[in-house]
């Protein structure tokens, strides 16, 4: 059975991720992030903006910022996910 108040939330599907860097392999075999001067995009985005786009045109899903841009300090646990959220004062 669905959870009331959570399952009714409609969200846009994630089509892919746009990243700010790539992973490189070090001498020991471990990978580490390395920044790039371009956006690392899925193939669908590369077809429109090129292989190494430095600018992307975006559109927000609604005029209501509270639906897509929350402004909270958040604390996450590796096992439990989000464990608290605050405003920086209380």
PDB file of N, CA and C in Angstrom:
ATOM      1  N   UNK A   1       0.844  -1.172   0.000  1.00  0.00           N
ATOM      2  CA  UNK A   1       0.000   0.000   0.000  1.00  0.00           C
ATOM      3  C   UNK A   1       0.895   1.242   0.000  1.00  0.00           C
ATOM      4  N   UNK A   2       0.484   2.272  -0.712  1.00  0.00           N
ATOM      5  CA  UNK A   2       1.256   3.507  -0.823  1.00  0.00           C
ATOM      6  C   UNK A   2       1.217   4.295   0.487  1.00  0.00           C
ATOM      7  N   UNK A   3       2.229   5.125   0.710  1.00  0.00           N
ATOM      8  CA  UNK A   3       2.300   5.958   1.903  1.00  0.00           C
ATOM      9  C   UNK A   3       1.565   7.258   1.622  1.00  0.00           C
ATOM     10  N   UNK A   4       0.576   7.585   2.461  1.00  0.00           N
ATOM     11  CA  UNK A   4      -0.202   8.807   2.273  1.00  0.00           C
ATOM     12  C   UNK A   4       0.701  10.024   2.420  1.00  0.00           C
ATOM     13  N   UNK A   5       0.514  10.997   1.543  1.00  0.00           N
ATOM     14  CA  UNK A   5       1.300  12.219   1.592  1.00  0.00           C
ATOM     15  C   UNK A   5       2.624  12.141   0.856  1.00  0.00           C
ATOM     16  N   UNK A   6       3.103  10.938   0.589  1.00  0.00           N
ATOM     17  CA  UNK A   6       4.363  10.778  -0.132  1.00  0.00           C
ATOM     18  C   UNK A   6       4.103  10.285  -1.544  1.00  0.00           C
ATOM     19  N   UNK A   7       3.241   9.303  -1.665  1.00  0.00           N
ATOM     20  CA  UNK A   7       2.983   8.686  -2.961  1.00  0.00           C
ATOM     21  C   UNK A   7       2.206   9.591  -3.907  1.00  0.00           C
ATOM     22  N   UNK A   8       1.513  10.594  -3.358  1.00  0.00           N
ATOM     23  CA  UNK A   8       0.737  11.494  -4.206  1.00  0.00           C
ATOM     24  C   UNK A   8       1.592  12.608  -4.817  1.00  0.00           C
ATOM     25  N   UNK A   9       2.828  12.744  -4.366  1.00  0.00           N
ATOM     26  CA  UNK A   9       3.710  13.791  -4.874  1.00  0.00           C
ATOM     27  C   UNK A   9       4.105  13.457  -6.305  1.00  0.00           C
ATOM     28  N   UNK A  10       3.824  14.380  -7.224  1.00  0.00           N
ATOM     29  CA  UNK A  10       4.157  14.176  -8.631  1.00  0.00           C
ATOM     30  C   UNK A  10       5.519  14.813  -8.890  1.00  0.00           C
ATOM     31  N   UNK A  11       6.422  14.062  -9.457  1.00  0.00           N
ATOM     32  CA  UNK A  11       7.763  14.565  -9.749  1.00  0.00           C
ATOM     33  C   UNK A  11       8.082  14.355 -11.220  1.00  0.00           C
ATOM     34  N   UNK A  12       8.916  15.228 -11.733  1.00  0.00           N
ATOM     35  CA  UNK A  12       9.372  15.062 -13.104  1.00  0.00           C
ATOM     36  C   UNK A  12      10.346  13.894 -13.163  1.00  0.00           C
ATOM     37  N   UNK A  13      10.274  13.082 -14.201  1.00  0.00           N
ATOM     38  CA  UNK A  13      11.216  11.963 -14.301  1.00  0.00           C
ATOM     39  C   UNK A  13      12.621  12.472 -14.627  1.00  0.00           C
ATOM     40  N   UNK A  14      13.624  11.816 -14.086  1.00  0.00           N
ATOM     41  CA  UNK A  14      15.008  12.172 -14.387  1.00  0.00           C
ATOM     42  C   UNK A  14      15.377  11.534 -15.720  1.00  0.00           C
ATOM     43  N   UNK A  15      15.794  12.342 -16.659  1.00  0.00           N
ATOM     44  CA  UNK A  15      16.160  11.861 -17.988  1.00  0.00           C
ATOM     45  C   UNK A  15      17.648  11.570 -18.098  1.00  0.00           C
ATOM     46  N   UNK A  16      18.426  12.102 -17.195  1.00  0.00           N
ATOM     47  CA  UNK A  16      19.872  11.918 -17.219  1.00  0.00           C
ATOM     48  C   UNK A  16      20.515  12.888 -16.254  1.00  0.00           C
ATOM     49  N   UNK A  17      21.824  12.844 -16.149  1.00  0.00           N
ATOM     50  CA  UNK A  17      22.550  13.740 -15.250  1.00  0.00           C
ATOM     51  C   UNK A  17      23.548  14.564 -16.042  1.00  0.00           C
ATOM     52  N   UNK A  18      23.670  15.814 -15.651  1.00  0.00           N
ATOM     53  CA  UNK A  18      24.688  16.693 -16.207  1.00  0.00           C
ATOM     54  C   UNK A  18      25.704  16.909 -15.098  1.00  0.00           C
ATOM     55  N   UNK A  19      26.949  16.610 -15.381  1.00  0.00           N
ATOM     56  CA  UNK A  19      27.992  16.654 -14.352  1.00  0.00           C
ATOM     57  C   UNK A  19      28.985  17.781 -14.633  1.00  0.00           C
ATOM     58  N   UNK A  20      29.735  18.144 -13.604  1.00  0.00           N
ATOM     59  CA  UNK A  20      30.726  19.216 -13.712  1.00  0.00           C
ATOM     60  C   UNK A  20      32.150  18.694 -13.814  1.00  0.00           C
ATOM     61  N   UNK A  21      32.310  17.386 -13.993  1.00  0.00           N
ATOM     62  CA  UNK A  21      33.640  16.804 -14.100  1.00  0.00           C
ATOM     63  C   UNK A  21      33.574  15.339 -14.468  1.00  0.00           C
ATOM     64  N   UNK A  22      34.747  14.717 -14.508  1.00  0.00           N
ATOM     65  CA  UNK A  22      34.849  13.304 -14.867  1.00  0.00           C
ATOM     66  C   UNK A  22      35.631  12.568 -13.781  1.00  0.00           C
ATOM     67  N   UNK A  23      35.556  11.252 -13.808  1.00  0.00           N
ATOM     68  CA  UNK A  23      36.342  10.443 -12.876  1.00  0.00           C
ATOM     69  C   UNK A  23      37.590   9.955 -13.593  1.00  0.00           C
ATOM     70  N   UNK A  24      38.725  10.078 -12.913  1.00  0.00           N
ATOM     71  CA  UNK A  24      39.993   9.588 -13.453  1.00  0.00           C
ATOM     72  C   UNK A  24      40.526   8.508 -12.535  1.00  0.00           C
ATOM     73  N   UNK A  25      41.356   7.652 -13.101  1.00  0.00           N
ATOM     74  CA  UNK A  25      41.957   6.582 -12.315  1.00  0.00           C
ATOM     75  C   UNK A  25      43.380   6.973 -11.941  1.00  0.00           C
ATOM     76  N   UNK A  26      43.695   6.859 -10.658  1.00  0.00           N
ATOM     77  CA  UNK A  26      45.029   7.190 -10.169  1.00  0.00           C
ATOM     78  C   UNK A  26      45.996   6.034 -10.341  1.00  0.00           C
ATOM     79  N   UNK A  27      47.216   6.236  -9.894  1.00  0.00           N
ATOM     80  CA  UNK A  27      48.260   5.210  -9.996  1.00  0.00           C
ATOM     81  C   UNK A  27      47.924   3.948  -9.207  1.00  0.00           C
ATOM     82  N   UNK A  28      47.174   4.116  -8.116  1.00  0.00           N
ATOM     83  CA  UNK A  28      46.823   2.966  -7.276  1.00  0.00           C
ATOM     84  C   UNK A  28      45.591   2.227  -7.783  1.00  0.00           C
ATOM     85  N   UNK A  29      44.947   2.754  -8.813  1.00  0.00           N
ATOM     86  CA  UNK A  29      43.741   2.127  -9.343  1.00  0.00           C
ATOM     87  C   UNK A  29      42.460   2.732  -8.801  1.00  0.00           C
ATOM     88  N   UNK A  30      42.571   3.593  -7.794  1.00  0.00           N
ATOM     89  CA  UNK A  30      41.390   4.251  -7.230  1.00  0.00           C
ATOM     90  C   UNK A  30      40.944   5.377  -8.159  1.00  0.00           C
ATOM     91  N   UNK A  31      39.642   5.604  -8.240  1.00  0.00           N
ATOM     92  CA  UNK A  31      39.130   6.700  -9.062  1.00  0.00           C
ATOM     93  C   UNK A  31      38.891   7.925  -8.188  1.00  0.00           C
ATOM     94  N   UNK A  32      39.035   9.100  -8.797  1.00  0.00           N
ATOM     95  CA  UNK A  32      38.810  10.355  -8.092  1.00  0.00           C
ATOM     96  C   UNK A  32      38.206  11.360  -9.071  1.00  0.00           C
ATOM     97  N   UNK A  33      37.394  12.303  -8.561  1.00  0.00           N
ATOM     98  CA  UNK A  33      36.766  13.279  -9.452  1.00  0.00           C
ATOM     99  C   UNK A  33      37.747  14.353  -9.899  1.00  0.00           C
ATOM    100  N   UNK A  34      37.613  14.773 -11.147  1.00  0.00           N
ATOM    101  CA  UNK A  34      38.431  15.832 -11.721  1.00  0.00           C
ATOM    102  C   UNK A  34      37.506  16.834 -12.407  1.00  0.00           C
ATOM    103  N   UNK A  35      37.612  18.123 -12.084  1.00  0.00           N
ATOM    104  CA  UNK A  35      36.735  19.108 -12.722  1.00  0.00           C
ATOM    105  C   UNK A  35      37.082  19.309 -14.196  1.00  0.00           C
ATOM    106  N   UNK A  36      36.089  19.693 -14.979  1.00  0.00           N
ATOM    107  CA  UNK A  36      36.284  20.032 -16.389  1.00  0.00           C
ATOM    108  C   UNK A  36      35.788  21.454 -16.618  1.00  0.00           C
ATOM    109  N   UNK A  37      36.198  22.074 -17.712  1.00  0.00           N
ATOM    110  CA  UNK A  37      35.717  23.418 -18.030  1.00  0.00           C
ATOM    111  C   UNK A  37      34.481  23.366 -18.925  1.00  0.00           C
ATOM    112  N   UNK A  38      33.842  22.215 -18.986  1.00  0.00           N
ATOM    113  CA  UNK A  38      32.625  22.020 -19.765  1.00  0.00           C
ATOM    114  C   UNK A  38      31.695  21.092 -18.991  1.00  0.00           C
ATOM    115  N   UNK A  39      30.441  21.048 -19.404  1.00  0.00           N
ATOM    116  CA  UNK A  39      29.473  20.148 -18.787  1.00  0.00           C
ATOM    117  C   UNK A  39      29.609  18.753 -19.381  1.00  0.00           C
ATOM    118  N   UNK A  40      29.593  17.742 -18.539  1.00  0.00           N
ATOM    119  CA  UNK A  40      29.613  16.350 -18.989  1.00  0.00           C
ATOM    120  C   UNK A  40      28.152  15.916 -19.076  1.00  0.00           C
ATOM    121  N   UNK A  41      27.689  15.657 -20.299  1.00  0.00           N
ATOM    122  CA  UNK A  41      26.260  15.471 -20.559  1.00  0.00           C
ATOM    123  C   UNK A  41      25.942  14.107 -21.153  1.00  0.00           C
ATOM    124  N   UNK A  42      24.669  13.687 -21.034  1.00  0.00           N
ATOM    125  CA  UNK A  42      24.225  12.473 -21.730  1.00  0.00           C
ATOM    126  C   UNK A  42      24.263  12.681 -23.250  1.00  0.00           C
ATOM    127  N   UNK A  43      24.235  11.598 -23.993  1.00  0.00           N
ATOM    128  CA  UNK A  43      24.322  11.663 -25.456  1.00  0.00           C
ATOM    129  C   UNK A  43      23.224  12.523 -26.072  1.00  0.00           C
ATOM    130  N   UNK A  44      22.012  12.486 -25.512  1.00  0.00           N
ATOM    131  CA  UNK A  44      20.907  13.275 -26.060  1.00  0.00           C
ATOM    132  C   UNK A  44      21.218  14.770 -26.005  1.00  0.00           C
ATOM    133  N   UNK A  45      21.877  15.209 -24.942  1.00  0.00           N
ATOM    134  CA  UNK A  45      22.232  16.623 -24.794  1.00  0.00           C
ATOM    135  C   UNK A  45      23.403  16.962 -25.711  1.00  0.00           C
ATOM    136  N   UNK A  46      24.362  16.045 -25.843  1.00  0.00           N
ATOM    137  CA  UNK A  46      25.507  16.273 -26.731  1.00  0.00           C
ATOM    138  C   UNK A  46      25.068  16.467 -28.177  1.00  0.00           C
ATOM    139  N   UNK A  47      24.014  15.769 -28.594  1.00  0.00           N
ATOM    140  CA  UNK A  47      23.520  15.917 -29.970  1.00  0.00           C
ATOM    141  C   UNK A  47      23.057  17.341 -30.241  1.00  0.00           C
ATOM    142  N   UNK A  48      22.543  18.022 -29.222  1.00  0.00           N
ATOM    143  CA  UNK A  48      22.021  19.379 -29.387  1.00  0.00           C
ATOM    144  C   UNK A  48      23.099  20.435 -29.155  1.00  0.00           C
ATOM    145  N   UNK A  49      23.916  20.263 -28.100  1.00  0.00           N
ATOM    146  CA  UNK A  49      24.859  21.301 -27.686  1.00  0.00           C
ATOM    147  C   UNK A  49      26.317  21.000 -28.006  1.00  0.00           C
ATOM    148  N   UNK A  50      26.620  19.840 -28.565  1.00  0.00           N
ATOM    149  CA  UNK A  50      27.995  19.479 -28.872  1.00  0.00           C
ATOM    150  C   UNK A  50      28.610  18.608 -27.783  1.00  0.00           C
ATOM    151  N   UNK A  51      29.831  18.097 -28.043  1.00  0.00           N
ATOM    152  CA  UNK A  51      30.481  17.163 -27.122  1.00  0.00           C
ATOM    153  C   UNK A  51      30.922  17.799 -25.803  1.00  0.00           C
ATOM    154  N   UNK A  52      31.356  19.048 -25.839  1.00  0.00           N
ATOM    155  CA  UNK A  52      31.860  19.708 -24.630  1.00  0.00           C
ATOM    156  C   UNK A  52      31.221  21.089 -24.464  1.00  0.00           C
ATOM    157  N   UNK A  53      29.924  21.117 -24.121  1.00  0.00           N
ATOM    158  CA  UNK A  53      29.250  22.417 -24.000  1.00  0.00           C
ATOM    159  C   UNK A  53      29.698  23.187 -22.758  1.00  0.00           C
ATOM    160  N   UNK A  54      29.911  24.482 -22.929  1.00  0.00           N
ATOM    161  CA  UNK A  54      30.279  25.342 -21.801  1.00  0.00           C
ATOM    162  C   UNK A  54      29.082  26.146 -21.318  1.00  0.00           C
ATOM    163  N   UNK A  55      28.007  26.161 -22.105  1.00  0.00           N
ATOM    164  CA  UNK A  55      26.759  26.825 -21.733  1.00  0.00           C
ATOM    165  C   UNK A  55      25.605  25.925 -22.122  1.00  0.00           C
ATOM    166  N   UNK A  56      24.555  25.935 -21.297  1.00  0.00           N
ATOM    167  CA  UNK A  56      23.343  25.176 -21.589  1.00  0.00           C
ATOM    168  C   UNK A  56      22.138  26.075 -21.384  1.00  0.00           C
ATOM    169  N   UNK A  57      21.175  25.986 -22.264  1.00  0.00           N
ATOM    170  CA  UNK A  57      19.915  26.699 -22.076  1.00  0.00           C
ATOM    171  C   UNK A  57      19.010  25.798 -21.247  1.00  0.00           C
ATOM    172  N   UNK A  58      18.450  26.352 -20.176  1.00  0.00           N
ATOM    173  CA  UNK A  58      17.592  25.553 -19.308  1.00  0.00           C
ATOM    174  C   UNK A  58      16.236  26.220 -19.146  1.00  0.00           C
ATOM    175  N   UNK A  59      15.274  25.448 -18.682  1.00  0.00           N
ATOM    176  CA  UNK A  59      13.945  25.955 -18.394  1.00  0.00           C
ATOM    177  C   UNK A  59      13.491  25.318 -17.083  1.00  0.00           C
ATOM    178  N   UNK A  60      12.936  26.117 -16.194  1.00  0.00           N
ATOM    179  CA  UNK A  60      12.428  25.588 -14.940  1.00  0.00           C
ATOM    180  C   UNK A  60      11.015  25.057 -15.151  1.00  0.00           C
ATOM    181  N   UNK A  61      10.636  23.996 -14.431  1.00  0.00           N
ATOM    182  CA  UNK A  61       9.346  23.358 -14.676  1.00  0.00           C
ATOM    183  C   UNK A  61       8.141  24.205 -14.279  1.00  0.00           C
ATOM    184  N   UNK A  62       8.278  25.082 -13.280  1.00  0.00           N
ATOM    185  CA  UNK A  62       7.170  25.947 -12.860  1.00  0.00           C
ATOM    186  C   UNK A  62       7.731  27.289 -12.421  1.00  0.00           C
ATOM    187  N   UNK A  63       6.841  28.262 -12.243  1.00  0.00           N
ATOM    188  CA  UNK A  63       7.236  29.574 -11.729  1.00  0.00           C
ATOM    189  C   UNK A  63       7.455  29.531 -10.215  1.00  0.00           C
ATOM    190  N   UNK A  64       6.907  28.524  -9.537  1.00  0.00           N
ATOM    191  CA  UNK A  64       6.976  28.409  -8.084  1.00  0.00           C
ATOM    192  C   UNK A  64       8.308  27.784  -7.668  1.00  0.00           C
ATOM    193  N   UNK A  65       9.228  28.616  -7.162  1.00  0.00           N
ATOM    194  CA  UNK A  65      10.563  28.139  -6.783  1.00  0.00           C
ATOM    195  C   UNK A  65      10.526  27.071  -5.700  1.00  0.00           C
ATOM    196  N   UNK A  66       9.543  27.121  -4.820  1.00  0.00           N
ATOM    197  CA  UNK A  66       9.497  26.161  -3.715  1.00  0.00           C
ATOM    198  C   UNK A  66       9.293  24.732  -4.203  1.00  0.00           C
ATOM    199  N   UNK A  67       8.858  24.563  -5.442  1.00  0.00           N
ATOM    200  CA  UNK A  67       8.655  23.220  -5.984  1.00  0.00           C
ATOM    201  C   UNK A  67       9.943  22.595  -6.508  1.00  0.00           C
ATOM    202  N   UNK A  68      10.946  23.400  -6.851  1.00  0.00           N
ATOM    203  CA  UNK A  68      12.155  22.825  -7.444  1.00  0.00           C
ATOM    204  C   UNK A  68      13.457  23.322  -6.827  1.00  0.00           C
ATOM    205  N   UNK A  69      13.413  24.300  -5.923  1.00  0.00           N
ATOM    206  CA  UNK A  69      14.648  24.828  -5.339  1.00  0.00           C
ATOM    207  C   UNK A  69      14.478  25.018  -3.836  1.00  0.00           C
ATOM    208  N   UNK A  70      14.652  23.959  -3.071  1.00  0.00           N
ATOM    209  CA  UNK A  70      14.543  24.092  -1.624  1.00  0.00           C
ATOM    210  C   UNK A  70      15.810  24.717  -1.063  1.00  0.00           C
ATOM    211  N   UNK A  71      15.656  25.499  -0.005  1.00  0.00           N
ATOM    212  CA  UNK A  71      16.794  26.153   0.630  1.00  0.00           C
ATOM    213  C   UNK A  71      16.857  25.715   2.086  1.00  0.00           C
ATOM    214  N   UNK A  72      17.418  24.559   2.327  1.00  0.00           N
ATOM    215  CA  UNK A  72      17.573  24.033   3.675  1.00  0.00           C
ATOM    216  C   UNK A  72      18.986  23.491   3.844  1.00  0.00           C
ATOM    217  N   UNK A  73      19.487  23.558   5.064  1.00  0.00           N
ATOM    218  CA  UNK A  73      20.690  22.807   5.401  1.00  0.00           C
ATOM    219  C   UNK A  73      20.233  21.385   5.659  1.00  0.00           C
ATOM    220  N   UNK A  74      20.890  20.409   5.073  1.00  0.00           N
ATOM    221  CA  UNK A  74      20.443  19.024   5.193  1.00  0.00           C
ATOM    222  C   UNK A  74      21.580  18.143   5.681  1.00  0.00           C
ATOM    223  N   UNK A  75      21.234  17.108   6.424  1.00  0.00           N
ATOM    224  CA  UNK A  75      22.201  16.122   6.895  1.00  0.00           C
ATOM    225  C   UNK A  75      21.733  14.746   6.434  1.00  0.00           C
ATOM    226  N   UNK A  76      22.627  14.013   5.791  1.00  0.00           N
ATOM    227  CA  UNK A  76      22.295  12.694   5.259  1.00  0.00           C
ATOM    228  C   UNK A  76      23.102  11.615   5.962  1.00  0.00           C
ATOM    229  N   UNK A  77      22.518  10.451   6.068  1.00  0.00           N
ATOM    230  CA  UNK A  77      23.190   9.267   6.589  1.00  0.00           C
ATOM    231  C   UNK A  77      23.351   8.290   5.435  1.00  0.00           C
ATOM    232  N   UNK A  78      24.475   7.606   5.377  1.00  0.00           N
ATOM    233  CA  UNK A  78      24.696   6.637   4.301  1.00  0.00           C
ATOM    234  C   UNK A  78      23.659   5.526   4.338  1.00  0.00           C
ATOM    235  N   UNK A  79      23.210   5.152   5.518  1.00  0.00           N
ATOM    236  CA  UNK A  79      22.263   4.042   5.646  1.00  0.00           C
ATOM    237  C   UNK A  79      20.808   4.488   5.572  1.00  0.00           C
ATOM    238  N   UNK A  80      20.497   5.697   6.112  1.00  0.00           N
ATOM    239  CA  UNK A  80      19.095   6.103   6.219  1.00  0.00           C
ATOM    240  C   UNK A  80      18.697   7.255   5.316  1.00  0.00           C
ATOM    241  N   UNK A  81      19.603   7.831   4.565  1.00  0.00           N
ATOM    242  CA  UNK A  81      19.260   8.961   3.709  1.00  0.00           C
ATOM    243  C   UNK A  81      19.161  10.249   4.522  1.00  0.00           C
ATOM    244  N   UNK A  82      18.196  11.102   4.192  1.00  0.00           N
ATOM    245  CA  UNK A  82      18.007  12.378   4.874  1.00  0.00           C
ATOM    246  C   UNK A  82      17.604  12.128   6.323  1.00  0.00           C
ATOM    247  N   UNK A  83      18.380  12.673   7.275  1.00  0.00           N
ATOM    248  CA  UNK A  83      18.030  12.464   8.686  1.00  0.00           C
ATOM    249  C   UNK A  83      17.573  13.750   9.370  1.00  0.00           C
ATOM    250  N   UNK A  84      17.943  14.931   8.846  1.00  0.00           N
ATOM    251  CA  UNK A  84      17.394  16.173   9.385  1.00  0.00           C
ATOM    252  C   UNK A  84      17.559  17.300   8.372  1.00  0.00           C
ATOM    253  N   UNK A  85      16.731  18.334   8.579  1.00  0.00           N
ATOM    254  CA  UNK A  85      16.728  19.484   7.687  1.00  0.00           C
ATOM    255  C   UNK A  85      16.477  20.715   8.546  1.00  0.00           C
ATOM    256  N   UNK A  86      17.227  21.794   8.329  1.00  0.00           N
ATOM    257  CA  UNK A  86      17.070  22.973   9.169  1.00  0.00           C
ATOM    258  C   UNK A  86      17.273  24.265   8.418  1.00  0.00           C
ATOM    259  N   UNK A  87      17.056  25.384   9.145  1.00  0.00           N
ATOM    260  CA  UNK A  87      17.179  26.706   8.547  1.00  0.00           C
ATOM    261  C   UNK A  87      18.472  27.417   8.941  1.00  0.00           C
ATOM    262  N   UNK A  88      19.342  26.747   9.681  1.00  0.00           N
ATOM    263  CA  UNK A  88      20.609  27.327  10.076  1.00  0.00           C
ATOM    264  C   UNK A  88      20.567  28.063  11.403  1.00  0.00           C
ATOM    265  N   UNK A  89      19.387  28.211  12.002  1.00  0.00           N
ATOM    266  CA  UNK A  89      19.268  28.918  13.272  1.00  0.00           C
ATOM    267  C   UNK A  89      18.767  28.028  14.398  1.00  0.00           C
ATOM    268  N   UNK A  90      17.877  27.105  14.107  1.00  0.00           N
ATOM    269  CA  UNK A  90      17.309  26.279  15.183  1.00  0.00           C
ATOM    270  C   UNK A  90      17.641  24.828  14.974  1.00  0.00           C
TER     271      UNK A  90
END
